[in-house]
Amino acid sequence: MAIELRHLRYFIAVAEELHFGRAARRLNISQPPLSQQIQQLEQSIQARLLVRTNRSVQLTPAGAAFLQDARAILLQVNQSADRAARIHQGQQGELRIGFTSSAPFTGLVSDALFRFRQRWPEVHIHMQEHNTRQQLTPLLDGQLDLGVMRNTPLPADLHYQLLLREPLYAVMHRDHPLAQHRSLSVRA
Protein backbone atom coordinates (compact mmCIF):
# COMPACT_ATOMS: atom_id res chain seq x y z
CA MET A 1 0.00 0.00 0.00
CA ALA A 2 1.26 3.46 -0.85
CA ILE A 3 1.25 6.06 1.88
CA GLU A 4 -1.17 8.84 1.04
CA LEU A 5 -1.35 12.34 2.43
CA ARG A 6 -4.56 11.49 4.27
CA HIS A 7 -2.66 8.81 6.20
CA LEU A 8 -0.21 11.46 7.35
CA ARG A 9 -3.03 13.84 8.32
CA TYR A 10 -4.82 11.09 10.24
CA PHE A 11 -1.66 10.04 12.03
CA ILE A 12 -0.78 13.63 12.97
CA ALA A 13 -4.26 14.18 14.42
CA VAL A 14 -4.05 11.01 16.55
CA ALA A 15 -0.48 11.80 17.62
CA GLU A 16 -1.41 15.33 18.66
CA GLU A 17 -4.64 14.38 20.41
CA LEU A 18 -3.32 11.07 21.82
CA HIS A 19 -6.95 9.95 21.63
CA PHE A 20 -8.72 8.31 18.70
CA GLY A 21 -12.16 9.74 19.53
CA ARG A 22 -10.95 13.35 19.68
CA ALA A 23 -8.82 12.87 16.57
CA ALA A 24 -11.81 11.43 14.69
CA ARG A 25 -13.97 14.42 15.71
CA ARG A 26 -11.21 16.81 14.65
CA LEU A 27 -11.01 15.09 11.25
CA ASN A 28 -14.80 14.85 10.88
CA ILE A 29 -14.70 11.08 10.40
CA SER A 30 -15.85 8.23 12.55
CA GLN A 31 -13.45 6.43 14.88
CA PRO A 32 -13.43 2.90 13.34
CA PRO A 33 -12.20 4.01 9.88
CA LEU A 34 -9.57 6.20 11.56
CA SER A 35 -8.28 3.22 13.54
CA GLN A 36 -8.21 1.11 10.37
CA GLN A 37 -6.27 3.77 8.47
CA ILE A 38 -3.67 4.01 11.25
CA GLN A 39 -3.32 0.22 11.29
CA GLN A 40 -2.87 0.19 7.50
CA LEU A 41 -0.24 2.90 7.80
CA GLU A 42 1.66 0.91 10.43
CA GLN A 43 1.48 -2.21 8.25
CA SER A 44 2.65 -0.27 5.24
CA ILE A 45 5.75 1.12 6.95
CA GLN A 46 6.25 -2.00 9.03
CA ALA A 47 6.61 -0.11 12.27
CA ARG A 48 4.43 0.33 15.31
CA LEU A 49 3.78 4.05 15.69
CA LEU A 50 1.36 4.06 18.61
CA VAL A 51 0.88 2.07 21.79
CA ARG A 52 -2.84 1.74 22.43
CA THR A 53 -4.52 0.72 25.66
CA ASN A 54 -8.13 1.06 26.78
CA ARG A 55 -7.22 4.25 28.59
CA SER A 56 -4.44 5.90 26.56
CA VAL A 57 -2.57 6.30 23.30
CA GLN A 58 1.18 6.94 23.33
CA LEU A 59 3.74 7.47 20.61
CA THR A 60 6.47 4.89 20.19
CA PRO A 61 9.99 6.16 19.40
CA ALA A 62 9.28 5.29 15.75
CA GLY A 63 5.99 7.18 16.02
CA ALA A 64 7.70 10.28 17.42
CA ALA A 65 10.20 10.28 14.55
CA PHE A 66 7.44 9.63 12.01
CA LEU A 67 5.41 12.50 13.45
CA GLN A 68 8.27 14.96 12.79
CA ASP A 69 8.68 13.71 9.24
CA ALA A 70 4.93 13.67 8.55
CA ARG A 71 4.61 17.29 9.67
CA ALA A 72 7.57 18.27 7.48
CA ILE A 73 6.09 16.44 4.48
CA LEU A 74 2.69 18.10 4.84
CA LEU A 75 4.35 21.48 5.30
CA GLN A 76 6.36 20.89 2.12
CA VAL A 77 3.24 19.83 0.20
CA ASN A 78 1.36 22.93 1.37
CA GLN A 79 4.28 25.21 0.52
CA SER A 80 4.61 23.59 -2.91
CA ALA A 81 0.91 24.05 -3.62
CA ASP A 82 1.08 27.66 -2.47
CA ARG A 83 4.14 28.30 -4.63
CA ALA A 84 2.49 26.76 -7.71
CA ALA A 85 -0.61 28.91 -7.15
CA ARG A 86 1.53 32.05 -6.73
CA ILE A 87 3.45 31.27 -9.93
CA HIS A 88 0.21 30.57 -11.81
CA GLN A 89 -1.20 33.89 -10.59
CA GLY A 90 1.96 35.75 -11.62
CA GLN A 91 2.95 36.63 -8.07
CA GLN A 92 6.16 34.60 -8.10
CA GLY A 93 8.54 33.29 -10.74
CA GLU A 94 10.23 35.21 -13.48
CA LEU A 95 9.37 37.72 -16.16
CA ARG A 96 11.60 37.90 -19.24
CA ILE A 97 11.51 41.29 -20.95
CA GLY A 98 13.16 42.34 -24.18
CA PHE A 99 13.75 46.05 -24.64
CA THR A 100 15.31 48.48 -27.05
CA SER A 101 18.32 50.46 -25.88
CA SER A 102 16.27 53.62 -25.27
CA ALA A 103 13.37 51.96 -23.38
CA PRO A 104 14.95 52.16 -19.88
CA PHE A 105 15.32 55.91 -20.31
CA THR A 106 11.60 56.33 -20.87
CA GLY A 107 10.00 57.38 -17.61
CA LEU A 108 6.94 55.26 -18.34
CA VAL A 109 9.00 52.04 -18.60
CA SER A 110 11.25 52.64 -15.61
CA ASP A 111 8.28 53.73 -13.45
CA ALA A 112 6.27 50.66 -14.48
CA LEU A 113 9.19 48.35 -13.62
CA PHE A 114 9.61 50.04 -10.24
CA ARG A 115 5.89 49.65 -9.42
CA PHE A 116 5.92 46.03 -10.62
CA ARG A 117 8.88 45.17 -8.36
CA GLN A 118 7.13 46.79 -5.39
CA ARG A 119 3.88 44.91 -6.02
CA TRP A 120 5.41 41.51 -6.85
CA PRO A 121 8.81 41.32 -5.15
CA GLU A 122 8.98 37.53 -5.63
CA VAL A 123 8.99 37.86 -9.43
CA HIS A 124 12.52 38.00 -10.79
CA ILE A 125 12.78 40.25 -13.85
CA HIS A 126 15.26 39.28 -16.58
CA MET A 127 15.90 42.12 -19.00
CA GLN A 128 17.54 41.57 -22.38
CA GLU A 129 18.49 44.39 -24.71
CA HIS A 130 17.57 43.72 -28.36
CA ASN A 131 16.55 45.93 -31.21
CA THR A 132 12.92 45.69 -32.26
CA ARG A 133 13.35 43.01 -34.94
CA GLN A 134 15.60 40.87 -32.70
CA GLN A 135 12.78 40.62 -30.15
CA LEU A 136 10.25 39.06 -32.53
CA THR A 137 11.62 35.49 -32.70
CA PRO A 138 12.19 35.15 -28.90
CA LEU A 139 8.65 36.48 -28.32
CA LEU A 140 7.19 33.96 -30.77
CA ASP A 141 9.29 31.10 -29.32
CA GLY A 142 8.34 31.92 -25.72
CA GLN A 143 11.89 32.90 -24.74
CA LEU A 144 10.61 36.39 -23.90
CA ASP A 145 7.36 37.13 -22.09
CA LEU A 146 7.20 40.78 -23.07
CA GLY A 147 8.91 43.12 -25.50
CA VAL A 148 9.26 46.88 -25.30
CA MET A 149 10.04 48.07 -28.80
CA ARG A 150 9.62 50.68 -31.48
CA ASN A 151 6.74 50.58 -33.91
CA THR A 152 7.17 47.86 -36.51
CA PRO A 153 4.88 45.48 -38.38
CA LEU A 154 4.23 42.48 -36.09
CA PRO A 155 3.32 38.86 -36.83
CA ALA A 156 -0.35 38.02 -36.24
CA ASP A 157 0.57 35.74 -33.30
CA LEU A 158 1.79 38.69 -31.24
CA HIS A 159 -0.55 41.02 -29.40
CA TYR A 160 0.59 44.58 -28.84
CA GLN A 161 -0.48 47.65 -26.95
CA LEU A 162 0.75 51.17 -27.61
CA LEU A 163 2.52 52.48 -24.52
CA LEU A 164 3.43 56.00 -25.64
CA ARG A 165 4.12 58.28 -28.58
CA GLU A 166 7.37 60.19 -28.61
CA PRO A 167 8.21 63.26 -30.67
CA LEU A 168 11.04 63.00 -33.16
CA TYR A 169 13.44 65.95 -33.15
CA ALA A 170 15.84 67.15 -35.78
CA VAL A 171 18.84 68.68 -34.04
CA MET A 172 21.25 70.90 -35.92
CA HIS A 173 23.56 73.83 -35.46
CA ARG A 174 21.73 77.13 -35.24
CA ASP A 175 23.48 78.39 -38.38
CA HIS A 176 22.14 75.50 -40.51
CA PRO A 177 19.74 76.71 -43.25
CA LEU A 178 16.90 74.52 -41.90
CA ALA A 179 17.30 75.85 -38.35
CA GLN A 180 15.12 78.86 -39.19
CA HIS A 181 12.02 76.67 -39.83
CA ARG A 182 9.54 76.17 -36.98
CA SER A 183 8.79 72.63 -38.16
CA LEU A 184 10.32 70.24 -40.67
CA SER A 185 9.15 67.29 -42.63
CA VAL A 186 11.24 64.11 -42.51
CA ARG A 187 11.82 64.60 -46.23
CA ALA A 188 13.41 68.00 -45.63
C-alpha atoms as a PDB file:
ATOM      1  CA  MET A   1       0.000   0.000   0.000  1.00  0.00           C
ATOM      2  CA  ALA A   2       1.258   3.462  -0.853  1.00  0.00           C
ATOM      3  CA  ILE A   3       1.249   6.058   1.878  1.00  0.00           C
ATOM      4  CA  GLU A   4      -1.173   8.843   1.037  1.00  0.00           C
ATOM      5  CA  LEU A   5      -1.349  12.342   2.426  1.00  0.00           C
ATOM      6  CA  ARG A   6      -4.563  11.494   4.267  1.00  0.00           C
ATOM      7  CA  HIS A   7      -2.661   8.815   6.201  1.00  0.00           C
ATOM      8  CA  LEU A   8      -0.214  11.463   7.351  1.00  0.00           C
ATOM      9  CA  ARG A   9      -3.029  13.842   8.324  1.00  0.00           C
ATOM     10  CA  TYR A  10      -4.821  11.093  10.236  1.00  0.00           C
ATOM     11  CA  PHE A  11      -1.660  10.042  12.031  1.00  0.00           C
ATOM     12  CA  ILE A  12      -0.779  13.630  12.972  1.00  0.00           C
ATOM     13  CA  ALA A  13      -4.257  14.176  14.416  1.00  0.00           C
ATOM     14  CA  VAL A  14      -4.049  11.007  16.546  1.00  0.00           C
ATOM     15  CA  ALA A  15      -0.476  11.800  17.619  1.00  0.00           C
ATOM     16  CA  GLU A  16      -1.412  15.334  18.663  1.00  0.00           C
ATOM     17  CA  GLU A  17      -4.641  14.380  20.412  1.00  0.00           C
ATOM     18  CA  LEU A  18      -3.324  11.071  21.820  1.00  0.00           C
ATOM     19  CA  HIS A  19      -6.953   9.955  21.632  1.00  0.00           C
ATOM     20  CA  PHE A  20      -8.721   8.307  18.695  1.00  0.00           C
ATOM     21  CA  GLY A  21     -12.161   9.735  19.532  1.00  0.00           C
ATOM     22  CA  ARG A  22     -10.946  13.349  19.679  1.00  0.00           C
ATOM     23  CA  ALA A  23      -8.824  12.871  16.567  1.00  0.00           C
ATOM     24  CA  ALA A  24     -11.814  11.433  14.694  1.00  0.00           C
ATOM     25  CA  ARG A  25     -13.970  14.418  15.707  1.00  0.00           C
ATOM     26  CA  ARG A  26     -11.208  16.808  14.654  1.00  0.00           C
ATOM     27  CA  LEU A  27     -11.006  15.093  11.251  1.00  0.00           C
ATOM     28  CA  ASN A  28     -14.803  14.847  10.882  1.00  0.00           C
ATOM     29  CA  ILE A  29     -14.697  11.085  10.397  1.00  0.00           C
ATOM     30  CA  SER A  30     -15.853   8.227  12.555  1.00  0.00           C
ATOM     31  CA  GLN A  31     -13.447   6.434  14.877  1.00  0.00           C
ATOM     32  CA  PRO A  32     -13.425   2.897  13.343  1.00  0.00           C
ATOM     33  CA  PRO A  33     -12.196   4.010   9.878  1.00  0.00           C
ATOM     34  CA  LEU A  34      -9.570   6.199  11.558  1.00  0.00           C
ATOM     35  CA  SER A  35      -8.277   3.220  13.543  1.00  0.00           C
ATOM     36  CA  GLN A  36      -8.212   1.114  10.372  1.00  0.00           C
ATOM     37  CA  GLN A  37      -6.273   3.775   8.471  1.00  0.00           C
ATOM     38  CA  ILE A  38      -3.666   4.014  11.247  1.00  0.00           C
ATOM     39  CA  GLN A  39      -3.317   0.215  11.290  1.00  0.00           C
ATOM     40  CA  GLN A  40      -2.869   0.186   7.495  1.00  0.00           C
ATOM     41  CA  LEU A  41      -0.239   2.903   7.804  1.00  0.00           C
ATOM     42  CA  GLU A  42       1.662   0.909  10.430  1.00  0.00           C
ATOM     43  CA  GLN A  43       1.483  -2.206   8.247  1.00  0.00           C
ATOM     44  CA  SER A  44       2.653  -0.274   5.240  1.00  0.00           C
ATOM     45  CA  ILE A  45       5.750   1.124   6.952  1.00  0.00           C
ATOM     46  CA  GLN A  46       6.250  -1.998   9.026  1.00  0.00           C
ATOM     47  CA  ALA A  47       6.606  -0.108  12.267  1.00  0.00           C
ATOM     48  CA  ARG A  48       4.428   0.330  15.308  1.00  0.00           C
ATOM     49  CA  LEU A  49       3.780   4.053  15.688  1.00  0.00           C
ATOM     50  CA  LEU A  50       1.355   4.063  18.606  1.00  0.00           C
ATOM     51  CA  VAL A  51       0.885   2.072  21.789  1.00  0.00           C
ATOM     52  CA  ARG A  52      -2.843   1.739  22.434  1.00  0.00           C
ATOM     53  CA  THR A  53      -4.516   0.719  25.662  1.00  0.00           C
ATOM     54  CA  ASN A  54      -8.128   1.055  26.778  1.00  0.00           C
ATOM     55  CA  ARG A  55      -7.224   4.254  28.587  1.00  0.00           C
ATOM     56  CA  SER A  56      -4.438   5.904  26.559  1.00  0.00           C
ATOM     57  CA  VAL A  57      -2.568   6.297  23.302  1.00  0.00           C
ATOM     58  CA  GLN A  58       1.181   6.942  23.334  1.00  0.00           C
ATOM     59  CA  LEU A  59       3.739   7.469  20.606  1.00  0.00           C
ATOM     60  CA  THR A  60       6.469   4.894  20.189  1.00  0.00           C
ATOM     61  CA  PRO A  61       9.989   6.162  19.403  1.00  0.00           C
ATOM     62  CA  ALA A  62       9.284   5.295  15.748  1.00  0.00           C
ATOM     63  CA  GLY A  63       5.991   7.184  16.016  1.00  0.00           C
ATOM     64  CA  ALA A  64       7.697  10.282  17.420  1.00  0.00           C
ATOM     65  CA  ALA A  65      10.197  10.277  14.552  1.00  0.00           C
ATOM     66  CA  PHE A  66       7.442   9.628  12.006  1.00  0.00           C
ATOM     67  CA  LEU A  67       5.414  12.503  13.453  1.00  0.00           C
ATOM     68  CA  GLN A  68       8.266  14.957  12.794  1.00  0.00           C
ATOM     69  CA  ASP A  69       8.680  13.711   9.243  1.00  0.00           C
ATOM     70  CA  ALA A  70       4.927  13.667   8.554  1.00  0.00           C
ATOM     71  CA  ARG A  71       4.613  17.289   9.671  1.00  0.00           C
ATOM     72  CA  ALA A  72       7.572  18.266   7.482  1.00  0.00           C
ATOM     73  CA  ILE A  73       6.088  16.435   4.483  1.00  0.00           C
ATOM     74  CA  LEU A  74       2.687  18.101   4.842  1.00  0.00           C
ATOM     75  CA  LEU A  75       4.348  21.477   5.296  1.00  0.00           C
ATOM     76  CA  GLN A  76       6.363  20.888   2.118  1.00  0.00           C
ATOM     77  CA  VAL A  77       3.243  19.835   0.203  1.00  0.00           C
ATOM     78  CA  ASN A  78       1.363  22.928   1.372  1.00  0.00           C
ATOM     79  CA  GLN A  79       4.282  25.206   0.519  1.00  0.00           C
ATOM     80  CA  SER A  80       4.613  23.586  -2.915  1.00  0.00           C
ATOM     81  CA  ALA A  81       0.910  24.046  -3.619  1.00  0.00           C
ATOM     82  CA  ASP A  82       1.082  27.657  -2.467  1.00  0.00           C
ATOM     83  CA  ARG A  83       4.141  28.296  -4.629  1.00  0.00           C
ATOM     84  CA  ALA A  84       2.490  26.757  -7.707  1.00  0.00           C
ATOM     85  CA  ALA A  85      -0.606  28.907  -7.148  1.00  0.00           C
ATOM     86  CA  ARG A  86       1.526  32.046  -6.732  1.00  0.00           C
ATOM     87  CA  ILE A  87       3.451  31.272  -9.927  1.00  0.00           C
ATOM     88  CA  HIS A  88       0.210  30.574 -11.809  1.00  0.00           C
ATOM     89  CA  GLN A  89      -1.204  33.891 -10.590  1.00  0.00           C
ATOM     90  CA  GLY A  90       1.964  35.746 -11.618  1.00  0.00           C
ATOM     91  CA  GLN A  91       2.946  36.627  -8.066  1.00  0.00           C
ATOM     92  CA  GLN A  92       6.156  34.604  -8.096  1.00  0.00           C
ATOM     93  CA  GLY A  93       8.540  33.291 -10.743  1.00  0.00           C
ATOM     94  CA  GLU A  94      10.229  35.214 -13.479  1.00  0.00           C
ATOM     95  CA  LEU A  95       9.370  37.720 -16.160  1.00  0.00           C
ATOM     96  CA  ARG A  96      11.604  37.896 -19.235  1.00  0.00           C
ATOM     97  CA  ILE A  97      11.510  41.289 -20.949  1.00  0.00           C
ATOM     98  CA  GLY A  98      13.158  42.342 -24.177  1.00  0.00           C
ATOM     99  CA  PHE A  99      13.748  46.053 -24.638  1.00  0.00           C
ATOM    100  CA  THR A 100      15.311  48.484 -27.048  1.00  0.00           C
ATOM    101  CA  SER A 101      18.322  50.462 -25.882  1.00  0.00           C
ATOM    102  CA  SER A 102      16.274  53.616 -25.265  1.00  0.00           C
ATOM    103  CA  ALA A 103      13.374  51.959 -23.378  1.00  0.00           C
ATOM    104  CA  PRO A 104      14.945  52.156 -19.882  1.00  0.00           C
ATOM    105  CA  PHE A 105      15.321  55.913 -20.312  1.00  0.00           C
ATOM    106  CA  THR A 106      11.603  56.334 -20.875  1.00  0.00           C
ATOM    107  CA  GLY A 107      10.004  57.376 -17.607  1.00  0.00           C
ATOM    108  CA  LEU A 108       6.940  55.257 -18.341  1.00  0.00           C
ATOM    109  CA  VAL A 109       9.000  52.035 -18.599  1.00  0.00           C
ATOM    110  CA  SER A 110      11.247  52.642 -15.607  1.00  0.00           C
ATOM    111  CA  ASP A 111       8.278  53.728 -13.448  1.00  0.00           C
ATOM    112  CA  ALA A 112       6.271  50.656 -14.475  1.00  0.00           C
ATOM    113  CA  LEU A 113       9.189  48.352 -13.618  1.00  0.00           C
ATOM    114  CA  PHE A 114       9.606  50.044 -10.239  1.00  0.00           C
ATOM    115  CA  ARG A 115       5.888  49.647  -9.416  1.00  0.00           C
ATOM    116  CA  PHE A 116       5.920  46.027 -10.618  1.00  0.00           C
ATOM    117  CA  ARG A 117       8.877  45.171  -8.356  1.00  0.00           C
ATOM    118  CA  GLN A 118       7.126  46.789  -5.394  1.00  0.00           C
ATOM    119  CA  ARG A 119       3.879  44.910  -6.016  1.00  0.00           C
ATOM    120  CA  TRP A 120       5.413  41.509  -6.853  1.00  0.00           C
ATOM    121  CA  PRO A 121       8.810  41.323  -5.147  1.00  0.00           C
ATOM    122  CA  GLU A 122       8.984  37.528  -5.630  1.00  0.00           C
ATOM    123  CA  VAL A 123       8.986  37.862  -9.434  1.00  0.00           C
ATOM    124  CA  HIS A 124      12.520  38.004 -10.790  1.00  0.00           C
ATOM    125  CA  ILE A 125      12.783  40.253 -13.850  1.00  0.00           C
ATOM    126  CA  HIS A 126      15.259  39.276 -16.579  1.00  0.00           C
ATOM    127  CA  MET A 127      15.901  42.124 -18.997  1.00  0.00           C
ATOM    128  CA  GLN A 128      17.536  41.571 -22.378  1.00  0.00           C
ATOM    129  CA  GLU A 129      18.489  44.391 -24.711  1.00  0.00           C
ATOM    130  CA  HIS A 130      17.573  43.723 -28.358  1.00  0.00           C
ATOM    131  CA  ASN A 131      16.551  45.928 -31.212  1.00  0.00           C
ATOM    132  CA  THR A 132      12.918  45.687 -32.258  1.00  0.00           C
ATOM    133  CA  ARG A 133      13.349  43.012 -34.935  1.00  0.00           C
ATOM    134  CA  GLN A 134      15.605  40.874 -32.702  1.00  0.00           C
ATOM    135  CA  GLN A 135      12.778  40.617 -30.147  1.00  0.00           C
ATOM    136  CA  LEU A 136      10.245  39.057 -32.527  1.00  0.00           C
ATOM    137  CA  THR A 137      11.622  35.494 -32.698  1.00  0.00           C
ATOM    138  CA  PRO A 138      12.186  35.145 -28.903  1.00  0.00           C
ATOM    139  CA  LEU A 139       8.655  36.476 -28.315  1.00  0.00           C
ATOM    140  CA  LEU A 140       7.187  33.958 -30.770  1.00  0.00           C
ATOM    141  CA  ASP A 141       9.286  31.100 -29.315  1.00  0.00           C
ATOM    142  CA  GLY A 142       8.339  31.923 -25.718  1.00  0.00           C
ATOM    143  CA  GLN A 143      11.889  32.897 -24.739  1.00  0.00           C
ATOM    144  CA  LEU A 144      10.609  36.393 -23.905  1.00  0.00           C
ATOM    145  CA  ASP A 145       7.359  37.132 -22.093  1.00  0.00           C
ATOM    146  CA  LEU A 146       7.198  40.778 -23.072  1.00  0.00           C
ATOM    147  CA  GLY A 147       8.909  43.117 -25.503  1.00  0.00           C
ATOM    148  CA  VAL A 148       9.257  46.878 -25.302  1.00  0.00           C
ATOM    149  CA  MET A 149      10.042  48.066 -28.802  1.00  0.00           C
ATOM    150  CA  ARG A 150       9.617  50.678 -31.477  1.00  0.00           C
ATOM    151  CA  ASN A 151       6.742  50.579 -33.913  1.00  0.00           C
ATOM    152  CA  THR A 152       7.171  47.861 -36.511  1.00  0.00           C
ATOM    153  CA  PRO A 153       4.876  45.476 -38.377  1.00  0.00           C
ATOM    154  CA  LEU A 154       4.228  42.483 -36.089  1.00  0.00           C
ATOM    155  CA  PRO A 155       3.315  38.855 -36.829  1.00  0.00           C
ATOM    156  CA  ALA A 156      -0.353  38.021 -36.244  1.00  0.00           C
ATOM    157  CA  ASP A 157       0.571  35.744 -33.299  1.00  0.00           C
ATOM    158  CA  LEU A 158       1.789  38.688 -31.237  1.00  0.00           C
ATOM    159  CA  HIS A 159      -0.547  41.017 -29.395  1.00  0.00           C
ATOM    160  CA  TYR A 160       0.590  44.575 -28.839  1.00  0.00           C
ATOM    161  CA  GLN A 161      -0.483  47.648 -26.947  1.00  0.00           C
ATOM    162  CA  LEU A 162       0.750  51.166 -27.609  1.00  0.00           C
ATOM    163  CA  LEU A 163       2.524  52.479 -24.523  1.00  0.00           C
ATOM    164  CA  LEU A 164       3.427  55.997 -25.642  1.00  0.00           C
ATOM    165  CA  ARG A 165       4.120  58.280 -28.579  1.00  0.00           C
ATOM    166  CA  GLU A 166       7.366  60.190 -28.615  1.00  0.00           C
ATOM    167  CA  PRO A 167       8.215  63.261 -30.668  1.00  0.00           C
ATOM    168  CA  LEU A 168      11.044  63.001 -33.156  1.00  0.00           C
ATOM    169  CA  TYR A 169      13.442  65.953 -33.149  1.00  0.00           C
ATOM    170  CA  ALA A 170      15.844  67.152 -35.780  1.00  0.00           C
ATOM    171  CA  VAL A 171      18.836  68.679 -34.042  1.00  0.00           C
ATOM    172  CA  MET A 172      21.252  70.895 -35.922  1.00  0.00           C
ATOM    173  CA  HIS A 173      23.564  73.829 -35.463  1.00  0.00           C
ATOM    174  CA  ARG A 174      21.727  77.132 -35.240  1.00  0.00           C
ATOM    175  CA  ASP A 175      23.480  78.393 -38.377  1.00  0.00           C
ATOM    176  CA  HIS A 176      22.143  75.504 -40.507  1.00  0.00           C
ATOM    177  CA  PRO A 177      19.744  76.714 -43.250  1.00  0.00           C
ATOM    178  CA  LEU A 178      16.899  74.521 -41.896  1.00  0.00           C
ATOM    179  CA  ALA A 179      17.304  75.854 -38.354  1.00  0.00           C
ATOM    180  CA  GLN A 180      15.118  78.862 -39.191  1.00  0.00           C
ATOM    181  CA  HIS A 181      12.018  76.674 -39.830  1.00  0.00           C
ATOM    182  CA  ARG A 182       9.544  76.173 -36.977  1.00  0.00           C
ATOM    183  CA  SER A 183       8.786  72.628 -38.163  1.00  0.00           C
ATOM    184  CA  LEU A 184      10.317  70.244 -40.670  1.00  0.00           C
ATOM    185  CA  SER A 185       9.153  67.285 -42.635  1.00  0.00           C
ATOM    186  CA  VAL A 186      11.243  64.107 -42.514  1.00  0.00           C
ATOM    187  CA  ARG A 187      11.824  64.600 -46.231  1.00  0.00           C
ATOM    188  CA  ALA A 188      13.413  68.003 -45.632  1.00  0.00           C
END
